[in-house]
């Protein structure tokens, strides 16, 4: 496998590869705007693996916000037996699509 990294973004961990697109929870960055992530937990480059304690020093991942949107509708049903109670809710999570541009260690 080529160069990849494990990052922490909004309390979740993602394994990212250069050139990959990733769908994450909604970010505060504008569309087309680049940003850096310094919470890099692991960097692997051609078999050489660097593990952070807790993060890898001087490592960063540059990402570009491609778009913002919402996910597919999720249907949530509540039901109570013997009382004729039924309720159906819909939920669409706000999310951002980002592209990994560069991994530097």
C-alpha atoms as a PDB file:
ATOM      1  CA  UNK A   1       0.000   0.000   0.000  1.00  0.00           C
ATOM      2  CA  UNK A   2       1.201   3.521  -0.686  1.00  0.00           C
ATOM      3  CA  UNK A   3       1.314   6.434   1.721  1.00  0.00           C
ATOM      4  CA  UNK A   4      -1.596   6.634   4.157  1.00  0.00           C
ATOM      5  CA  UNK A   5      -2.414   8.193   7.514  1.00  0.00           C
ATOM      6  CA  UNK A   6      -4.854   7.810  10.374  1.00  0.00           C
ATOM      7  CA  UNK A   7      -6.323  11.148  11.447  1.00  0.00           C
ATOM      8  CA  UNK A   8      -8.728  12.328  14.091  1.00  0.00           C
ATOM      9  CA  UNK A   9     -11.460  14.669  12.837  1.00  0.00           C
ATOM     10  CA  UNK A  10     -14.416  15.768  14.977  1.00  0.00           C
ATOM     11  CA  UNK A  11     -13.809  13.021  17.522  1.00  0.00           C
ATOM     12  CA  UNK A  12     -13.747  10.244  14.905  1.00  0.00           C
ATOM     13  CA  UNK A  13     -10.774   8.447  13.361  1.00  0.00           C
ATOM     14  CA  UNK A  14     -10.357   7.991   9.613  1.00  0.00           C
ATOM     15  CA  UNK A  15      -7.760   6.204   7.500  1.00  0.00           C
ATOM     16  CA  UNK A  16      -6.955   8.466   4.551  1.00  0.00           C
ATOM     17  CA  UNK A  17      -4.953   8.088   1.341  1.00  0.00           C
ATOM     18  CA  UNK A  18      -3.794  10.906  -0.961  1.00  0.00           C
ATOM     19  CA  UNK A  19      -6.366  11.631  -3.673  1.00  0.00           C
ATOM     20  CA  UNK A  20      -9.202   9.932  -1.788  1.00  0.00           C
ATOM     21  CA  UNK A  21     -12.599  11.567  -1.193  1.00  0.00           C
ATOM     22  CA  UNK A  22     -14.176  11.171   2.217  1.00  0.00           C
ATOM     23  CA  UNK A  23     -17.655  11.912   3.587  1.00  0.00           C
ATOM     24  CA  UNK A  24     -17.590  13.353   7.130  1.00  0.00           C
ATOM     25  CA  UNK A  25     -19.960  15.239   9.421  1.00  0.00           C
ATOM     26  CA  UNK A  26     -20.575  18.876   8.495  1.00  0.00           C
ATOM     27  CA  UNK A  27     -17.455  21.071   8.682  1.00  0.00           C
ATOM     28  CA  UNK A  28     -17.305  24.828   9.316  1.00  0.00           C
ATOM     29  CA  UNK A  29     -15.106  25.425   6.241  1.00  0.00           C
ATOM     30  CA  UNK A  30     -16.418  26.873   2.974  1.00  0.00           C
ATOM     31  CA  UNK A  31     -16.629  24.862  -0.247  1.00  0.00           C
ATOM     32  CA  UNK A  32     -13.381  24.926  -2.217  1.00  0.00           C
ATOM     33  CA  UNK A  33     -11.389  25.949   0.856  1.00  0.00           C
ATOM     34  CA  UNK A  34      -8.267  24.016   1.912  1.00  0.00           C
ATOM     35  CA  UNK A  35      -7.461  23.265   5.544  1.00  0.00           C
ATOM     36  CA  UNK A  36      -4.822  21.334   7.482  1.00  0.00           C
ATOM     37  CA  UNK A  37      -5.307  18.654  10.103  1.00  0.00           C
ATOM     38  CA  UNK A  38      -2.550  18.288  12.687  1.00  0.00           C
ATOM     39  CA  UNK A  39      -4.216  15.503  14.714  1.00  0.00           C
ATOM     40  CA  UNK A  40      -2.360  12.777  12.802  1.00  0.00           C
ATOM     41  CA  UNK A  41      -2.207   9.573  14.825  1.00  0.00           C
ATOM     42  CA  UNK A  42      -0.247   7.385  12.397  1.00  0.00           C
ATOM     43  CA  UNK A  43       1.674   7.838   9.142  1.00  0.00           C
ATOM     44  CA  UNK A  44       2.732   4.926   6.924  1.00  0.00           C
ATOM     45  CA  UNK A  45       5.013   5.563   3.951  1.00  0.00           C
ATOM     46  CA  UNK A  46       6.357   2.649   1.879  1.00  0.00           C
ATOM     47  CA  UNK A  47       6.526   0.257   4.819  1.00  0.00           C
ATOM     48  CA  UNK A  48       7.890   2.810   7.304  1.00  0.00           C
ATOM     49  CA  UNK A  49       5.260   3.305  10.004  1.00  0.00           C
ATOM     50  CA  UNK A  50       5.340   6.215  12.452  1.00  0.00           C
ATOM     51  CA  UNK A  51       2.949   5.995  15.397  1.00  0.00           C
ATOM     52  CA  UNK A  52       2.234   9.095  17.451  1.00  0.00           C
ATOM     53  CA  UNK A  53       2.070   9.370  21.211  1.00  0.00           C
ATOM     54  CA  UNK A  54      -0.706  10.600  20.938  1.00  0.00           C
ATOM     55  CA  UNK A  55       0.024  12.466  17.669  1.00  0.00           C
ATOM     56  CA  UNK A  56       2.898  12.402  15.199  1.00  0.00           C
ATOM     57  CA  UNK A  57       4.934  15.629  15.588  1.00  0.00           C
ATOM     58  CA  UNK A  58       5.259  17.855  12.477  1.00  0.00           C
ATOM     59  CA  UNK A  59       2.794  15.698  10.529  1.00  0.00           C
ATOM     60  CA  UNK A  60      -0.193  17.212   8.795  1.00  0.00           C
ATOM     61  CA  UNK A  61      -2.821  16.276   6.251  1.00  0.00           C
ATOM     62  CA  UNK A  62      -4.044  18.901   3.770  1.00  0.00           C
ATOM     63  CA  UNK A  63      -7.692  18.544   2.766  1.00  0.00           C
ATOM     64  CA  UNK A  64     -10.011  20.396   0.396  1.00  0.00           C
ATOM     65  CA  UNK A  65     -13.771  20.778   1.005  1.00  0.00           C
ATOM     66  CA  UNK A  66     -15.499  19.593  -2.174  1.00  0.00           C
ATOM     67  CA  UNK A  67     -19.145  20.076  -1.169  1.00  0.00           C
ATOM     68  CA  UNK A  68     -21.701  20.219   1.618  1.00  0.00           C
ATOM     69  CA  UNK A  69     -24.945  18.296   1.594  1.00  0.00           C
ATOM     70  CA  UNK A  70     -27.215  15.910   3.398  1.00  0.00           C
ATOM     71  CA  UNK A  71     -27.267  12.122   3.551  1.00  0.00           C
ATOM     72  CA  UNK A  72     -30.090   9.837   2.506  1.00  0.00           C
ATOM     73  CA  UNK A  73     -33.193   9.911   4.672  1.00  0.00           C
ATOM     74  CA  UNK A  74     -33.148   7.597   7.666  1.00  0.00           C
ATOM     75  CA  UNK A  75     -36.534   6.442   8.936  1.00  0.00           C
ATOM     76  CA  UNK A  76     -36.916   6.016  12.699  1.00  0.00           C
ATOM     77  CA  UNK A  77     -40.010   4.294  14.058  1.00  0.00           C
ATOM     78  CA  UNK A  78     -41.274   4.234  17.619  1.00  0.00           C
ATOM     79  CA  UNK A  79     -43.782   1.601  18.670  1.00  0.00           C
ATOM     80  CA  UNK A  80     -45.385   0.632  21.947  1.00  0.00           C
ATOM     81  CA  UNK A  81     -47.275  -2.611  22.073  1.00  0.00           C
ATOM     82  CA  UNK A  82     -50.849  -2.891  23.328  1.00  0.00           C
ATOM     83  CA  UNK A  83     -51.374   0.907  23.369  1.00  0.00           C
ATOM     84  CA  UNK A  84     -51.781   1.659  19.637  1.00  0.00           C
ATOM     85  CA  UNK A  85     -48.832   4.081  19.704  1.00  0.00           C
ATOM     86  CA  UNK A  86     -46.863   4.400  16.479  1.00  0.00           C
ATOM     87  CA  UNK A  87     -44.671   7.317  15.425  1.00  0.00           C
ATOM     88  CA  UNK A  88     -42.330   7.588  12.428  1.00  0.00           C
ATOM     89  CA  UNK A  89     -39.624  10.238  12.177  1.00  0.00           C
ATOM     90  CA  UNK A  90     -37.264  11.045   9.329  1.00  0.00           C
ATOM     91  CA  UNK A  91     -33.672  12.255   9.743  1.00  0.00           C
ATOM     92  CA  UNK A  92     -31.090  13.514   7.243  1.00  0.00           C
ATOM     93  CA  UNK A  93     -27.580  14.106   8.591  1.00  0.00           C
ATOM     94  CA  UNK A  94     -25.681  17.173   7.351  1.00  0.00           C
ATOM     95  CA  UNK A  95     -22.318  16.161   5.906  1.00  0.00           C
ATOM     96  CA  UNK A  96     -19.325  17.424   3.971  1.00  0.00           C
ATOM     97  CA  UNK A  97     -17.344  15.749   1.212  1.00  0.00           C
ATOM     98  CA  UNK A  98     -13.591  16.362   1.473  1.00  0.00           C
ATOM     99  CA  UNK A  99     -10.657  15.366  -0.706  1.00  0.00           C
ATOM    100  CA  UNK A 100      -7.272  14.424   0.767  1.00  0.00           C
ATOM    101  CA  UNK A 101      -4.642  16.385  -1.139  1.00  0.00           C
ATOM    102  CA  UNK A 102      -1.360  15.793   0.666  1.00  0.00           C
ATOM    103  CA  UNK A 103       0.045  13.808   3.581  1.00  0.00           C
ATOM    104  CA  UNK A 104       3.280  15.214   4.981  1.00  0.00           C
ATOM    105  CA  UNK A 105       5.235  13.794   7.884  1.00  0.00           C
END
